[in-house]
Amino acid sequence: MSPIKRVTMFKVPNESDQDTVLEQYKGLKRNALQDGKPYILSVSAGKTIAKDDPRSKGFNLFAITIFASLEDMNFYDTECSAHKALKAVAAGKIEDILTVYTESVTDD
């Protein structure tokens, strides 16, 4: 099984709220623990560059999170205390969210 790549896009209207949400992603890989050990393979998050590009449909933040397995991603969604803390900080700041996840068919 290939790693699970999860892409999440956010619409966060207020710029200071964008910074607040992104700050939570900075320590996510280190703070997300399963059985006392880090389990997220990679986290990348940031602001989109072309905010006026109609293809972005208003989404202005992204996060790409990579997990070793679907089970690890499901743990992240349902039990991870670091993810729960991120969602608590983001609550009320996010106007819309879109998440997709996949096993890649390419290596790059």
Protein backbone atom coordinates (compact mmCIF):
# COMPACT_ATOMS: atom_id res chain seq x y z
CA MET A 1 0.00 0.00 0.00
CA SER A 2 1.28 3.46 -0.93
CA PRO A 3 1.21 6.30 1.58
CA ILE A 4 -2.08 8.19 1.85
CA LYS A 5 -1.83 11.79 0.68
CA ARG A 6 -4.50 14.07 2.07
CA VAL A 7 -5.07 17.52 0.62
CA THR A 8 -7.24 19.97 2.52
CA MET A 9 -8.22 23.38 1.19
CA PHE A 10 -9.67 26.11 3.40
CA LYS A 11 -11.51 29.37 2.88
CA VAL A 12 -10.49 31.60 5.76
CA PRO A 13 -11.64 35.18 5.06
CA ASN A 14 -9.71 37.00 7.81
CA GLU A 15 -5.94 37.21 7.22
CA SER A 16 -5.05 37.08 10.92
CA ASP A 17 -7.21 33.97 11.24
CA GLN A 18 -5.25 32.45 8.34
CA ASP A 19 -2.04 32.97 10.30
CA THR A 20 -3.62 31.46 13.42
CA VAL A 21 -4.70 28.31 11.57
CA LEU A 22 -1.31 27.94 9.88
CA GLU A 23 0.47 28.32 13.20
CA GLN A 24 -1.29 25.15 14.37
CA TYR A 25 0.14 23.23 11.43
CA LYS A 26 3.74 24.16 12.32
CA GLY A 27 4.01 21.64 15.16
CA LEU A 28 1.44 19.14 13.94
CA LYS A 29 3.85 16.44 12.76
CA ARG A 30 5.78 16.59 16.04
CA ASN A 31 2.71 16.83 18.30
CA ALA A 32 0.48 14.24 16.61
CA LEU A 33 1.17 11.04 18.52
CA GLN A 34 -0.19 7.53 18.22
CA ASP A 35 0.88 5.10 20.95
CA GLY A 36 3.29 7.82 22.13
CA LYS A 37 5.06 8.10 18.77
CA PRO A 38 4.78 10.57 15.89
CA TYR A 39 2.84 8.94 13.04
CA ILE A 40 2.37 11.62 10.38
CA LEU A 41 4.99 11.21 7.64
CA SER A 42 4.80 14.77 6.30
CA VAL A 43 2.89 18.03 6.73
CA SER A 44 3.01 20.98 4.37
CA ALA A 45 0.68 23.96 4.78
CA GLY A 46 0.52 27.54 3.60
CA LYS A 47 -1.35 30.32 1.87
CA THR A 48 -2.25 30.16 -1.78
CA ILE A 49 -0.34 32.57 -4.02
CA ALA A 50 -2.84 33.65 -6.69
CA LYS A 51 -5.74 34.73 -4.50
CA ASP A 52 -7.58 36.31 -7.44
CA ASP A 53 -7.23 33.29 -9.72
CA PRO A 54 -10.79 32.06 -10.38
CA ARG A 55 -9.56 28.46 -10.36
CA SER A 56 -8.93 28.69 -6.61
CA LYS A 57 -12.66 29.27 -6.03
CA GLY A 58 -11.83 31.33 -2.95
CA PHE A 59 -9.76 28.70 -1.15
CA ASN A 60 -6.80 30.53 0.35
CA LEU A 61 -5.06 27.99 2.62
CA PHE A 62 -3.91 24.44 1.97
CA ALA A 63 -2.53 21.54 3.94
CA ILE A 64 -0.98 18.39 2.52
CA THR A 65 -0.63 15.64 5.08
CA ILE A 66 0.91 12.25 4.33
CA PHE A 67 0.15 9.12 6.34
CA ALA A 68 1.65 5.64 6.11
CA SER A 69 -1.82 4.07 5.94
CA LEU A 70 -5.53 4.77 5.77
CA GLU A 71 -5.76 3.54 9.36
CA ASP A 72 -3.35 6.27 10.45
CA MET A 73 -5.41 8.90 8.61
CA ASN A 74 -8.58 7.58 10.25
CA PHE A 75 -6.87 7.83 13.66
CA TYR A 76 -6.01 11.44 12.79
CA ASP A 77 -9.65 12.16 11.97
CA THR A 78 -11.21 10.49 14.99
CA GLU A 79 -8.74 10.25 17.88
CA CYS A 80 -5.67 12.46 17.45
CA SER A 81 -5.48 15.09 20.20
CA ALA A 82 -3.22 17.35 18.09
CA HIS A 83 -5.81 17.34 15.27
CA LYS A 84 -8.60 18.02 17.78
CA ALA A 85 -6.62 21.01 19.07
CA LEU A 86 -6.12 22.29 15.51
CA LYS A 87 -9.87 21.99 14.81
CA ALA A 88 -10.68 23.81 18.06
CA VAL A 89 -8.44 26.74 17.12
CA ALA A 90 -9.86 26.83 13.57
CA ALA A 91 -13.50 26.64 14.69
CA GLY A 92 -15.42 29.71 13.60
CA LYS A 93 -12.59 30.93 11.38
CA ILE A 94 -13.18 28.66 8.39
CA GLU A 95 -15.86 29.58 5.88
CA ASP A 96 -15.49 26.39 3.81
CA ILE A 97 -13.28 23.32 3.64
CA LEU A 98 -12.55 20.66 1.03
CA THR A 99 -10.62 17.47 1.75
CA VAL A 100 -9.56 14.70 -0.60
CA TYR A 101 -7.20 11.80 -0.03
CA THR A 102 -5.61 9.24 -2.28
CA GLU A 103 -2.93 6.68 -2.85
CA SER A 104 -0.63 8.13 -5.47
CA VAL A 105 -0.03 6.26 -8.68
CA THR A 106 3.19 8.20 -9.30
CA ASP A 107 6.29 8.56 -7.15
CA ASP A 108 6.81 12.29 -7.59
